[in-house]
C-alpha atoms as a PDB file:
ATOM      1  CA  MET A   1       4.140  -3.747  13.975  1.00  0.00           C
ATOM      2  CA  THR A   2       7.396  -4.642  15.634  1.00  0.00           C
ATOM      3  CA  ASP A   3       9.981  -2.313  17.078  1.00  0.00           C
ATOM      4  CA  GLU A   4      12.526  -4.211  14.993  1.00  0.00           C
ATOM      5  CA  ILE A   5      10.979  -2.952  11.779  1.00  0.00           C
ATOM      6  CA  LEU A   6      10.864   0.613  13.006  1.00  0.00           C
ATOM      7  CA  ASN A   7      14.318   0.743  14.563  1.00  0.00           C
ATOM      8  CA  ARG A   8      16.546  -1.837  12.894  1.00  0.00           C
ATOM      9  CA  THR A   9      16.427  -0.727   9.284  1.00  0.00           C
ATOM     10  CA  PRO A  10      19.036   1.951   8.541  1.00  0.00           C
ATOM     11  CA  ARG A  11      17.758   5.222   7.142  1.00  0.00           C
ATOM     12  CA  ILE A  12      18.632   6.003   3.547  1.00  0.00           C
ATOM     13  CA  SER A  13      18.326   9.227   1.679  1.00  0.00           C
ATOM     14  CA  SER A  14      14.722   9.839   0.652  1.00  0.00           C
ATOM     15  CA  PRO A  15      13.668   8.862  -2.839  1.00  0.00           C
ATOM     16  CA  GLU A  16      12.075  11.516  -5.008  1.00  0.00           C
ATOM     17  CA  LYS A  17       8.987   9.375  -5.545  1.00  0.00           C
ATOM     18  CA  PRO A  18       6.012   8.817  -3.254  1.00  0.00           C
ATOM     19  CA  ILE A  19       5.269   5.185  -2.445  1.00  0.00           C
ATOM     20  CA  VAL A  20       2.022   3.253  -2.056  1.00  0.00           C
ATOM     21  CA  VAL A  21       2.196  -0.071  -0.208  1.00  0.00           C
ATOM     22  CA  MET A  22      -0.714  -2.020  -1.678  1.00  0.00           C
ATOM     23  CA  GLY A  23      -2.537  -5.320  -1.340  1.00  0.00           C
ATOM     24  CA  VAL A  24      -5.597  -6.956   0.173  1.00  0.00           C
ATOM     25  CA  GLN A  25      -6.626  -6.505   3.786  1.00  0.00           C
ATOM     26  CA  GLY A  26      -4.448  -8.319   6.285  1.00  0.00           C
ATOM     27  CA  CYS A  27      -1.361  -8.487   4.068  1.00  0.00           C
ATOM     28  CA  GLY A  28       0.612  -6.101   6.290  1.00  0.00           C
ATOM     29  CA  LYS A  29       0.388  -2.815   4.370  1.00  0.00           C
ATOM     30  CA  SER A  30       0.396  -0.641   7.484  1.00  0.00           C
ATOM     31  CA  THR A  31       3.207  -2.530   9.217  1.00  0.00           C
ATOM     32  CA  VAL A  32       5.385  -2.499   6.103  1.00  0.00           C
ATOM     33  CA  GLY A  33       4.409   1.095   5.264  1.00  0.00           C
ATOM     34  CA  ARG A  34       5.473   2.335   8.702  1.00  0.00           C
ATOM     35  CA  GLY A  35       8.721   0.394   8.514  1.00  0.00           C
ATOM     36  CA  LEU A  36       9.431   1.610   5.003  1.00  0.00           C
ATOM     37  CA  GLY A  37       8.645   5.203   5.948  1.00  0.00           C
ATOM     38  CA  ASN A  38      11.048   4.944   8.866  1.00  0.00           C
ATOM     39  CA  ALA A  39      13.766   3.372   6.728  1.00  0.00           C
ATOM     40  CA  LEU A  40      13.422   6.102   4.109  1.00  0.00           C
ATOM     41  CA  GLY A  41      12.904   8.990   6.502  1.00  0.00           C
ATOM     42  CA  LEU A  42       9.434   9.634   5.028  1.00  0.00           C
ATOM     43  CA  ARG A  43       6.113  10.334   6.711  1.00  0.00           C
ATOM     44  CA  PHE A  44       3.683   7.412   6.697  1.00  0.00           C
ATOM     45  CA  THR A  45      -0.044   7.821   6.078  1.00  0.00           C
ATOM     46  CA  ASP A  46      -2.539   4.999   6.493  1.00  0.00           C
ATOM     47  CA  GLY A  47      -5.118   5.226   3.729  1.00  0.00           C
ATOM     48  CA  ASP A  48      -7.690   3.680   6.083  1.00  0.00           C
ATOM     49  CA  ASP A  49      -7.682   6.965   7.995  1.00  0.00           C
ATOM     50  CA  LEU A  50      -9.038   8.724   4.896  1.00  0.00           C
ATOM     51  CA  HIS A  51     -12.182   6.575   4.522  1.00  0.00           C
ATOM     52  CA  SER A  52     -15.486   8.389   5.015  1.00  0.00           C
ATOM     53  CA  LEU A  53     -17.687   7.511   7.988  1.00  0.00           C
ATOM     54  CA  GLU A  54     -20.232   6.078   5.538  1.00  0.00           C
ATOM     55  CA  ALA A  55     -17.648   3.780   3.933  1.00  0.00           C
ATOM     56  CA  ARG A  56     -16.439   2.611   7.348  1.00  0.00           C
ATOM     57  CA  ALA A  57     -20.008   1.827   8.428  1.00  0.00           C
ATOM     58  CA  LYS A  58     -20.654  -0.077   5.199  1.00  0.00           C
ATOM     59  CA  MET A  59     -17.535  -2.217   5.630  1.00  0.00           C
ATOM     60  CA  ALA A  60     -18.215  -2.761   9.337  1.00  0.00           C
ATOM     61  CA  ALA A  61     -21.624  -4.152   8.343  1.00  0.00           C
ATOM     62  CA  GLY A  62     -19.835  -6.690   6.132  1.00  0.00           C
ATOM     63  CA  HIS A  63     -20.541  -5.039   2.780  1.00  0.00           C
ATOM     64  CA  PRO A  64     -17.653  -4.537   0.347  1.00  0.00           C
ATOM     65  CA  LEU A  65     -17.176  -1.086  -1.120  1.00  0.00           C
ATOM     66  CA  THR A  66     -18.146  -0.476  -4.722  1.00  0.00           C
ATOM     67  CA  ASP A  67     -16.048   1.450  -7.214  1.00  0.00           C
ATOM     68  CA  ALA A  68     -18.327   4.444  -6.596  1.00  0.00           C
ATOM     69  CA  ASP A  69     -17.591   4.189  -2.852  1.00  0.00           C
ATOM     70  CA  ARG A  70     -13.853   3.992  -3.435  1.00  0.00           C
ATOM     71  CA  ILE A  71     -13.382   6.849  -5.930  1.00  0.00           C
ATOM     72  CA  PRO A  72     -13.745   9.713  -3.386  1.00  0.00           C
ATOM     73  CA  TRP A  73     -11.442   7.848  -0.982  1.00  0.00           C
ATOM     74  CA  LEU A  74      -8.804   7.248  -3.649  1.00  0.00           C
ATOM     75  CA  THR A  75      -9.054  10.892  -4.684  1.00  0.00           C
ATOM     76  CA  ARG A  76      -8.399  11.969  -1.073  1.00  0.00           C
ATOM     77  CA  ILE A  77      -5.359   9.685  -0.965  1.00  0.00           C
ATOM     78  CA  ALA A  78      -4.024  11.029  -4.278  1.00  0.00           C
ATOM     79  CA  GLU A  79      -4.562  14.623  -3.147  1.00  0.00           C
ATOM     80  CA  THR A  80      -2.722  13.867   0.114  1.00  0.00           C
ATOM     81  CA  ILE A  81       0.195  12.471  -1.897  1.00  0.00           C
ATOM     82  CA  ALA A  82       0.150  15.437  -4.298  1.00  0.00           C
ATOM     83  CA  ALA A  83       0.155  17.906  -1.392  1.00  0.00           C
ATOM     84  CA  SER A  84       3.197  16.151   0.104  1.00  0.00           C
ATOM     85  CA  LEU A  85       5.007  16.497  -3.215  1.00  0.00           C
ATOM     86  CA  GLU A  86       4.154  20.197  -3.426  1.00  0.00           C
ATOM     87  CA  HIS A  87       5.995  20.573  -0.117  1.00  0.00           C
ATOM     88  CA  GLY A  88       8.936  18.523  -1.397  1.00  0.00           C
ATOM     89  CA  GLU A  89       8.230  15.718   1.061  1.00  0.00           C
ATOM     90  CA  PRO A  90       7.073  12.515  -0.670  1.00  0.00           C
ATOM     91  CA  ILE A  91       5.228  10.118   1.638  1.00  0.00           C
ATOM     92  CA  VAL A  92       4.565   6.421   2.049  1.00  0.00           C
ATOM     93  CA  VAL A  93       0.883   5.460   1.996  1.00  0.00           C
ATOM     94  CA  ALA A  94      -0.820   2.161   2.819  1.00  0.00           C
ATOM     95  CA  CYS A  95      -3.692   1.740   0.355  1.00  0.00           C
ATOM     96  CA  SER A  96      -5.242  -1.415  -1.049  1.00  0.00           C
ATOM     97  CA  ALA A  97      -5.148  -0.005  -4.632  1.00  0.00           C
ATOM     98  CA  LEU A  98      -6.657  -3.297  -5.739  1.00  0.00           C
ATOM     99  CA  LYS A  99      -7.529  -2.462  -9.341  1.00  0.00           C
ATOM    100  CA  ARG A 100      -5.476  -1.013 -12.175  1.00  0.00           C
ATOM    101  CA  SER A 101      -8.145   1.697 -12.586  1.00  0.00           C
ATOM    102  CA  TYR A 102      -7.635   2.722  -8.935  1.00  0.00           C
ATOM    103  CA  ARG A 103      -3.884   2.973  -9.437  1.00  0.00           C
ATOM    104  CA  ASP A 104      -4.469   4.922 -12.655  1.00  0.00           C
ATOM    105  CA  LEU A 105      -6.639   7.374 -10.694  1.00  0.00           C
ATOM    106  CA  LEU A 106      -3.888   7.780  -8.077  1.00  0.00           C
ATOM    107  CA  ARG A 107      -1.281   8.302 -10.814  1.00  0.00           C
ATOM    108  CA  SER A 108      -3.508  10.824 -12.615  1.00  0.00           C
ATOM    109  CA  ILE A 109      -3.079  13.123  -9.609  1.00  0.00           C
ATOM    110  CA  ALA A 110       0.391  11.952  -8.484  1.00  0.00           C
ATOM    111  CA  PRO A 111       2.092  10.575 -11.643  1.00  0.00           C
ATOM    112  CA  THR A 112       5.406   9.622 -10.007  1.00  0.00           C
ATOM    113  CA  LEU A 113       3.955   7.010  -7.647  1.00  0.00           C
ATOM    114  CA  VAL A 114       5.838   3.781  -7.080  1.00  0.00           C
ATOM    115  CA  PHE A 115       3.868   0.778  -5.806  1.00  0.00           C
ATOM    116  CA  ILE A 116       5.054  -1.942  -3.450  1.00  0.00           C
ATOM    117  CA  GLU A 117       2.539  -4.797  -3.763  1.00  0.00           C
ATOM    118  CA  LEU A 118       2.370  -7.330  -0.946  1.00  0.00           C
ATOM    119  CA  PHE A 119       1.014 -10.617  -2.261  1.00  0.00           C
ATOM    120  CA  GLY A 120       0.435 -14.069  -0.901  1.00  0.00           C
ATOM    121  CA  ASP A 121      -1.828 -17.046  -0.646  1.00  0.00           C
ATOM    122  CA  GLN A 122      -5.423 -16.264   0.343  1.00  0.00           C
ATOM    123  CA  ALA A 123      -5.419 -19.017   2.980  1.00  0.00           C
ATOM    124  CA  LEU A 124      -2.319 -17.492   4.634  1.00  0.00           C
ATOM    125  CA  ILE A 125      -3.908 -14.043   4.760  1.00  0.00           C
ATOM    126  CA  ALA A 126      -7.222 -15.469   6.009  1.00  0.00           C
ATOM    127  CA  GLU A 127      -5.325 -17.175   8.833  1.00  0.00           C
ATOM    128  CA  ARG A 128      -3.602 -13.893   9.720  1.00  0.00           C
ATOM    129  CA  LEU A 129      -6.977 -12.169   9.884  1.00  0.00           C
ATOM    130  CA  THR A 130      -8.101 -14.557  12.621  1.00  0.00           C
ATOM    131  CA  HIS A 131      -5.513 -12.854  14.859  1.00  0.00           C
ATOM    132  CA  ARG A 132      -6.520  -9.319  13.936  1.00  0.00           C
ATOM    133  CA  ASN A 133      -9.386  -7.171  15.159  1.00  0.00           C
ATOM    134  CA  HIS A 134      -9.881  -4.323  12.699  1.00  0.00           C
ATOM    135  CA  GLU A 135     -12.248  -1.495  13.564  1.00  0.00           C
ATOM    136  CA  TYR A 136     -14.310  -1.802  10.377  1.00  0.00           C
ATOM    137  CA  MET A 137     -12.776  -4.440   8.064  1.00  0.00           C
ATOM    138  CA  PRO A 138     -14.197  -7.853   9.018  1.00  0.00           C
ATOM    139  CA  ALA A 139     -12.408 -10.933   7.697  1.00  0.00           C
ATOM    140  CA  ALA A 140     -15.557 -11.738   5.701  1.00  0.00           C
ATOM    141  CA  LEU A 141     -14.533  -9.048   3.188  1.00  0.00           C
ATOM    142  CA  LEU A 142     -11.345 -10.875   2.169  1.00  0.00           C
ATOM    143  CA  ASP A 143     -13.067 -12.840  -0.612  1.00  0.00           C
ATOM    144  CA  SER A 144     -14.305  -9.609  -2.208  1.00  0.00           C
ATOM    145  CA  GLN A 145     -10.824  -8.101  -1.970  1.00  0.00           C
ATOM    146  CA  PHE A 146      -9.246 -11.058  -3.791  1.00  0.00           C
ATOM    147  CA  ALA A 147     -12.041 -10.961  -6.376  1.00  0.00           C
ATOM    148  CA  ALA A 148     -11.262  -7.292  -7.107  1.00  0.00           C
ATOM    149  CA  LEU A 149      -7.453  -7.629  -7.006  1.00  0.00           C
ATOM    150  CA  GLU A 150      -5.561  -6.904 -10.221  1.00  0.00           C
ATOM    151  CA  PRO A 151      -1.842  -7.390  -9.537  1.00  0.00           C
ATOM    152  CA  LEU A 152       0.621  -4.778 -10.733  1.00  0.00           C
ATOM    153  CA  ALA A 153       1.035  -4.931 -14.490  1.00  0.00           C
ATOM    154  CA  ARG A 154       4.411  -4.995 -16.223  1.00  0.00           C
ATOM    155  CA  ASP A 155       4.129  -1.334 -17.223  1.00  0.00           C
ATOM    156  CA  GLU A 156       3.525  -0.057 -13.680  1.00  0.00           C
ATOM    157  CA  ALA A 157       6.434   1.240 -11.612  1.00  0.00           C
ATOM    158  CA  GLY A 158       6.760  -1.013  -8.628  1.00  0.00           C
ATOM    159  CA  LEU A 159       7.791  -4.195  -6.907  1.00  0.00           C
ATOM    160  CA  ARG A 160       5.733  -7.245  -5.925  1.00  0.00           C
ATOM    161  CA  ILE A 161       6.927  -8.869  -2.694  1.00  0.00           C
ATOM    162  CA  ASN A 162       5.776 -12.281  -1.490  1.00  0.00           C
ATOM    163  CA  LEU A 163       4.368 -12.448   2.040  1.00  0.00           C
ATOM    164  CA  MET A 164       6.477 -15.509   2.724  1.00  0.00           C
ATOM    165  CA  ASN A 165       9.118 -12.892   3.588  1.00  0.00           C
ATOM    166  CA  THR A 166       9.018 -11.414   7.094  1.00  0.00           C
ATOM    167  CA  PRO A 167       8.001  -7.750   7.490  1.00  0.00           C
ATOM    168  CA  ASP A 168      11.667  -6.861   8.104  1.00  0.00           C
ATOM    169  CA  GLU A 169      12.712  -8.678   4.936  1.00  0.00           C
ATOM    170  CA  ILE A 170       9.933  -6.993   2.958  1.00  0.00           C
ATOM    171  CA  VAL A 171      11.134  -3.566   4.093  1.00  0.00           C
ATOM    172  CA  GLU A 172      14.723  -4.480   3.206  1.00  0.00           C
ATOM    173  CA  LEU A 173      13.714  -5.733  -0.260  1.00  0.00           C
ATOM    174  CA  ALA A 174      11.677  -2.594  -0.904  1.00  0.00           C
ATOM    175  CA  VAL A 175      14.488  -0.295   0.256  1.00  0.00           C
ATOM    176  CA  GLU A 176      17.008  -2.102  -1.940  1.00  0.00           C
ATOM    177  CA  PHE A 177      14.653  -1.874  -4.929  1.00  0.00           C
ATOM    178  CA  LEU A 178      14.024   1.838  -4.359  1.00  0.00           C
ATOM    179  CA  GLN A 179      17.740   2.579  -3.880  1.00  0.00           C
ATOM    180  CA  HIS A 180      18.841   0.796  -7.032  1.00  0.00           C
ATOM    181  CA  THR A 181      16.043   1.446  -9.504  1.00  0.00           C
ATOM    182  CA  ARG A 182      15.620   4.444 -11.740  1.00  0.00           C
ATOM    183  CA  PHE A 183      12.012   5.060 -12.636  1.00  0.00           C
ATOM    184  CA  PRO A 184      11.443   6.390 -16.146  1.00  0.00           C
ATOM    185  CA  ASP A 185       7.887   7.167 -17.232  1.00  0.00           C
ATOM    186  CA  LYS A 186       7.219   3.438 -17.505  1.00  0.00           C
ATOM    187  CA  LYS A 187       9.095   0.757 -15.606  1.00  0.00           C
ATOM    188  CA  GLU A 188       8.522  -2.961 -15.615  1.00  0.00           C
ATOM    189  CA  ILE A 189       7.598  -4.332 -12.250  1.00  0.00           C
ATOM    190  CA  ALA A 190       9.872  -6.712 -10.442  1.00  0.00           C
ATOM    191  CA  ASP A 191       9.099  -9.655  -8.165  1.00  0.00           C
ATOM    192  CA  ALA A 192      10.765 -10.502  -4.882  1.00  0.00           C
END
């Protein structure tokens, strides 16, 4: 995370929708999520903080989570988002949200979610992971994350942003999209 991302982007009035920054490990969800939260004046929550101790231990041992492992975690994330909406304060959350069924679960509890998907070449992300030391997500899990990944579908509200953009540019693209897009019940995704 750079100070530029947190301090350079001008604040805009908060959108009415909560936002999930999604993608595989190492794509920059937390960095972009923090920057986007700052730009929008919204609280940022890292979904990794909501993993159970058992799930963290499993990942740290190099074992990918199953759907059964992820459902309670995704439910905690959705409930956190729903609670923020009850207080009139939508949040930005970093969450892999790899599968459509995971995003459907999140939307079943927080229907107004907008997704910002960070996508890029697996080799690029693998290279980034060589420079990162995550508490419980070894780089060996990247293959399983790409195997599970289902990109945003055309009927999901959101924006796909290529990782060839810098984190600052990603935040700017996301802010522009959120400022200029009305989100009916269903909205085609866009690519940047």
